[in-house]
N, C-alpha and C. Protein backbone atom coordinates (compact mmCIF):
# COMPACT_ATOMS: atom_id res chain seq x y z
N MET A 1 -0.29 -21.26 -7.64
CA MET A 1 -0.16 -21.40 -6.46
C MET A 1 -1.36 -22.69 -6.08
N GLY A 2 -1.20 -23.46 -5.44
CA GLY A 2 -1.96 -24.66 -4.64
C GLY A 2 -2.56 -23.89 -3.92
N PHE A 3 -3.51 -24.41 -3.10
CA PHE A 3 -5.05 -24.52 -1.85
C PHE A 3 -4.31 -24.45 -0.95
N LEU A 4 -3.84 -25.02 -0.23
CA LEU A 4 -2.67 -24.98 0.56
C LEU A 4 -1.70 -24.21 0.83
N ALA A 5 -1.04 -23.82 0.21
CA ALA A 5 0.05 -22.98 0.12
C ALA A 5 -0.43 -21.27 0.15
N PHE A 6 -1.76 -21.21 -1.00
CA PHE A 6 -2.59 -20.44 -0.23
C PHE A 6 -2.68 -20.17 1.20
N LEU A 7 -3.49 -20.95 1.45
CA LEU A 7 -3.95 -21.03 3.33
C LEU A 7 -2.48 -20.16 3.86
N LEU A 8 -1.12 -20.97 3.74
CA LEU A 8 0.04 -20.73 4.53
C LEU A 8 0.08 -18.66 4.39
N LEU A 9 0.11 -18.36 2.97
CA LEU A 9 0.32 -17.61 2.49
C LEU A 9 -0.22 -16.63 3.45
N GLY A 10 -1.61 -16.97 3.38
CA GLY A 10 -2.69 -16.02 3.94
C GLY A 10 -2.86 -15.53 5.57
N LEU A 11 -2.46 -16.95 5.68
CA LEU A 11 -1.74 -17.36 7.72
C LEU A 11 -0.91 -16.27 8.21
N ILE A 12 0.34 -16.43 7.14
CA ILE A 12 2.13 -15.55 7.56
C ILE A 12 2.00 -14.41 7.13
N ALA A 13 0.71 -14.17 5.98
CA ALA A 13 0.65 -12.55 5.74
C ALA A 13 -0.30 -12.13 7.00
N GLY A 14 -1.33 -12.46 7.19
CA GLY A 14 -2.42 -12.15 7.89
C GLY A 14 -1.63 -11.75 9.94
N ALA A 15 -0.64 -12.58 10.18
CA ALA A 15 0.56 -12.69 11.17
C ALA A 15 1.12 -11.14 11.22
N ILE A 16 2.18 -11.06 10.01
CA ILE A 16 2.69 -10.17 9.59
C ILE A 16 1.96 -8.77 9.45
N ALA A 17 0.59 -8.79 8.69
CA ALA A 17 0.20 -7.39 8.97
C ALA A 17 -0.30 -6.91 10.63
N LYS A 18 -1.01 -8.45 11.48
CA LYS A 18 -1.11 -7.82 12.66
C LYS A 18 0.01 -7.48 13.61
N ALA A 19 1.13 -8.07 13.46
CA ALA A 19 2.35 -7.51 13.58
C ALA A 19 2.79 -5.91 13.55
N ILE A 20 2.42 -5.69 12.50
CA ILE A 20 2.93 -4.51 11.64
C ILE A 20 2.12 -3.25 12.43
N LEU A 21 0.82 -3.55 12.22
CA LEU A 21 -0.66 -2.65 12.80
C LEU A 21 -0.31 -2.52 14.07
N PRO A 22 -0.21 -1.26 14.94
CA PRO A 22 0.06 -0.42 15.92
C PRO A 22 -1.70 -1.11 16.68
N GLY A 23 -1.57 -1.63 18.19
CA GLY A 23 -2.93 -1.97 18.44
C GLY A 23 -3.25 -2.99 18.79
N ARG A 24 -4.16 -3.17 19.59
CA ARG A 24 -4.62 -4.97 19.61
C ARG A 24 -6.16 -5.08 19.14
N GLN A 25 -5.22 -6.14 18.26
CA GLN A 25 -6.68 -6.61 17.27
C GLN A 25 -6.78 -8.01 17.47
N GLY A 26 -8.64 -7.65 17.52
CA GLY A 26 -9.11 -9.00 18.08
C GLY A 26 -9.40 -10.28 17.39
N GLY A 27 -9.36 -11.32 17.59
CA GLY A 27 -8.93 -12.30 16.89
C GLY A 27 -8.29 -13.59 16.52
N GLY A 28 -8.25 -14.76 16.76
CA GLY A 28 -7.25 -15.79 16.96
C GLY A 28 -6.67 -16.15 15.84
N TRP A 29 -5.82 -17.36 15.24
CA TRP A 29 -5.53 -17.74 14.64
C TRP A 29 -6.58 -18.01 13.79
N ILE A 30 -7.60 -18.61 13.80
CA ILE A 30 -8.91 -18.47 12.80
C ILE A 30 -8.79 -17.23 12.17
N ALA A 31 -9.10 -15.95 12.38
CA ALA A 31 -9.36 -14.62 12.43
C ALA A 31 -8.20 -14.13 11.57
N THR A 32 -7.29 -14.52 11.88
CA THR A 32 -5.73 -14.18 11.31
C THR A 32 -5.88 -15.00 9.82
N LEU A 33 -6.17 -15.84 9.85
CA LEU A 33 -6.09 -16.69 8.42
C LEU A 33 -7.46 -16.18 7.67
N LEU A 34 -8.35 -15.81 8.11
CA LEU A 34 -9.48 -15.47 6.68
C LEU A 34 -9.00 -14.45 6.82
N LEU A 35 -8.41 -13.39 7.76
CA LEU A 35 -8.31 -11.98 7.32
C LEU A 35 -7.05 -11.93 6.34
N GLY A 36 -6.30 -12.76 6.61
CA GLY A 36 -4.82 -12.81 5.63
C GLY A 36 -5.17 -13.53 4.36
N VAL A 37 -6.26 -14.57 3.96
CA VAL A 37 -7.00 -14.89 3.08
C VAL A 37 -7.64 -14.20 2.16
N VAL A 38 -8.76 -13.05 2.40
CA VAL A 38 -8.95 -12.14 2.36
C VAL A 38 -7.94 -11.60 1.49
N GLY A 39 -7.38 -10.68 2.23
CA GLY A 39 -6.21 -9.68 1.99
C GLY A 39 -5.02 -10.12 1.42
N ALA A 40 -4.81 -11.39 1.14
CA ALA A 40 -3.95 -12.16 0.04
C ALA A 40 -4.87 -11.47 -1.45
N PHE A 41 -6.04 -12.20 -1.24
CA PHE A 41 -7.34 -12.04 -2.42
C PHE A 41 -7.26 -10.59 -3.26
N LEU A 42 -7.34 -9.42 -1.98
CA LEU A 42 -7.64 -8.38 -1.94
C LEU A 42 -5.80 -7.98 -3.20
N GLY A 43 -4.89 -8.32 -2.58
CA GLY A 43 -3.65 -7.45 -2.66
C GLY A 43 -3.50 -8.36 -4.30
N GLY A 44 -3.92 -9.76 -4.99
CA GLY A 44 -3.34 -10.10 -5.88
C GLY A 44 -4.04 -9.52 -6.79
N TRP A 45 -5.42 -8.76 -6.37
CA TRP A 45 -6.38 -8.28 -7.21
C TRP A 45 -5.57 -6.85 -7.89
N LEU A 46 -5.90 -6.25 -6.28
CA LEU A 46 -5.32 -4.74 -6.91
C LEU A 46 -3.73 -5.05 -7.17
N GLY A 47 -2.91 -5.76 -6.57
CA GLY A 47 -2.23 -6.01 -7.96
C GLY A 47 -2.50 -5.97 -9.15
N SER A 48 -2.83 -7.00 -9.47
CA SER A 48 -3.24 -7.24 -11.07
C SER A 48 -4.04 -5.93 -11.81
N VAL A 49 -4.59 -5.12 -11.22
CA VAL A 49 -5.18 -4.09 -11.88
C VAL A 49 -4.39 -3.34 -11.55
N ILE A 50 -3.36 -2.53 -10.80
CA ILE A 50 -2.87 -2.05 -10.70
C ILE A 50 -1.08 -2.05 -11.44
N PHE A 51 -0.96 -2.75 -10.99
CA PHE A 51 0.40 -2.90 -11.18
C PHE A 51 0.85 -4.14 -12.44
N GLY A 52 -0.57 -4.87 -13.12
CA GLY A 52 -0.14 -6.16 -13.51
C GLY A 52 0.65 -6.81 -13.27
N VAL A 53 0.36 -7.48 -12.00
CA VAL A 53 0.89 -8.58 -11.27
C VAL A 53 0.26 -8.61 -10.22
N GLY A 54 0.60 -10.36 -10.42
CA GLY A 54 -1.06 -10.70 -9.29
C GLY A 54 -0.07 -11.98 -8.68
N LEU A 55 -0.82 -13.25 -7.62
CA LEU A 55 -0.31 -13.82 -7.26
C LEU A 55 0.14 -14.88 -7.85
N GLU A 56 1.66 -14.80 -8.04
CA GLU A 56 1.86 -15.83 -8.72
C GLU A 56 2.40 -17.82 -8.30
N GLU A 57 3.64 -17.18 -7.73
CA GLU A 57 4.40 -18.45 -7.02
C GLU A 57 4.72 -17.97 -5.53
N PHE A 58 4.89 -18.79 -5.29
CA PHE A 58 4.41 -18.69 -3.16
C PHE A 58 5.96 -18.16 -2.93
N TRP A 59 7.11 -18.28 -3.61
CA TRP A 59 8.66 -17.92 -3.37
C TRP A 59 8.28 -16.19 -3.85
N SER A 60 7.97 -15.97 -4.41
CA SER A 60 8.14 -14.08 -5.07
C SER A 60 8.03 -13.16 -4.26
N ILE A 61 8.65 -12.39 -4.17
CA ILE A 61 9.20 -10.90 -3.69
C ILE A 61 7.76 -10.33 -3.34
N GLN A 62 7.29 -10.63 -4.54
CA GLN A 62 5.86 -9.78 -5.20
C GLN A 62 4.68 -10.49 -4.73
N THR A 63 4.84 -11.58 -4.58
CA THR A 63 3.34 -12.17 -3.79
C THR A 63 3.67 -11.91 -2.42
N TRP A 64 4.66 -11.90 -1.99
CA TRP A 64 4.31 -11.36 -0.26
C TRP A 64 3.95 -10.58 0.12
N LEU A 65 4.63 -9.23 -0.80
CA LEU A 65 4.55 -7.68 -0.63
C LEU A 65 3.11 -7.53 -0.96
N LEU A 66 2.62 -7.67 -1.90
CA LEU A 66 0.52 -7.27 -2.22
C LEU A 66 0.05 -8.12 -1.14
N ALA A 67 0.14 -9.81 -1.21
CA ALA A 67 -0.73 -10.59 -0.06
C ALA A 67 -0.39 -9.67 1.40
N ILE A 68 0.69 -8.97 1.89
CA ILE A 68 0.73 -8.75 3.26
C ILE A 68 -0.18 -7.02 2.91
N GLY A 69 -0.12 -6.48 2.18
CA GLY A 69 -0.58 -5.09 2.10
C GLY A 69 -2.09 -5.21 1.96
N GLY A 70 -2.89 -6.19 1.24
CA GLY A 70 -3.82 -6.51 0.80
C GLY A 70 -4.23 -6.86 2.34
N ALA A 71 -3.66 -7.47 3.18
CA ALA A 71 -3.68 -8.35 4.51
C ALA A 71 -4.24 -6.56 5.88
N ILE A 72 -3.28 -5.91 5.31
CA ILE A 72 -3.21 -4.81 6.49
C ILE A 72 -3.74 -4.24 5.69
N ILE A 73 -4.85 -3.92 4.20
CA ILE A 73 -5.87 -3.02 4.43
C ILE A 73 -6.98 -3.81 4.95
N VAL A 74 -7.22 -5.02 4.81
CA VAL A 74 -8.08 -5.92 5.06
C VAL A 74 -8.76 -5.68 6.88
N LEU A 75 -7.03 -5.35 7.43
CA LEU A 75 -6.95 -5.63 9.38
C LEU A 75 -7.47 -4.20 9.68
N VAL A 76 -7.09 -3.03 8.36
CA VAL A 76 -7.47 -1.67 9.27
C VAL A 76 -9.27 -1.59 9.27
N ILE A 77 -9.89 -1.92 7.69
CA ILE A 77 -11.25 -2.17 7.99
C ILE A 77 -11.96 -3.03 9.07
N TYR A 78 -11.34 -4.51 9.13
CA TYR A 78 -12.04 -4.83 10.47
C TYR A 78 -11.99 -4.32 11.37
N GLY A 79 -10.35 -3.67 11.35
CA GLY A 79 -10.98 -2.86 12.85
C GLY A 79 -11.16 -1.50 12.99
N LEU A 80 -11.79 -1.19 11.90
CA LEU A 80 -12.92 0.19 11.89
C LEU A 80 -14.07 -0.45 12.17
N ILE A 81 -14.50 -1.81 11.49
CA ILE A 81 -15.98 -2.14 11.69
C ILE A 81 -16.08 -2.75 12.96
N VAL A 82 -15.05 -3.37 13.98
CA VAL A 82 -15.36 -4.07 15.41
C VAL A 82 -15.16 -3.05 16.08
N GLY A 83 -14.15 -1.94 15.85
CA GLY A 83 -13.85 -0.83 17.12
C GLY A 83 -15.42 -0.09 17.14
N ARG A 84 -16.35 0.38 15.92
CA ARG A 84 -17.45 0.95 15.94
C ARG A 84 -18.09 -0.42 16.55
N SER A 85 -18.68 -1.19 16.51
CA SER A 85 -19.57 -2.12 17.11
C SER A 85 -19.08 -1.81 18.42
N LYS A 86 -18.22 -2.10 18.68
CA LYS A 86 -17.75 -2.22 20.45
C LYS A 86 -17.84 -0.64 21.03
N ARG A 87 -18.56 0.00 20.52
CA ARG A 87 -18.29 1.22 21.08
C ARG A 87 -20.12 1.63 20.82
N ASN A 88 -20.70 1.26 19.94
CA ASN A 88 -22.25 0.78 20.49
C ASN A 88 -22.65 0.74 21.84
């Protein structure tokens, strides 16, 4: 998968993860892109370690599920870190 395709995958996966999770998450499109790309990396790594599948093709359902799952994990961690710093 090319670099631009990976960025597009990260942006869309981050936006879907934000839509799935309840509550209001901070950050605009840049934060969504960064969290989505980090989540796609995490999802691809976890998928290759646990299931033996990674981020191979842009139009593969496995790629999208791994990227969205990774973005959800990263978004939850991001929410815990930002939420904790706002309380202090």
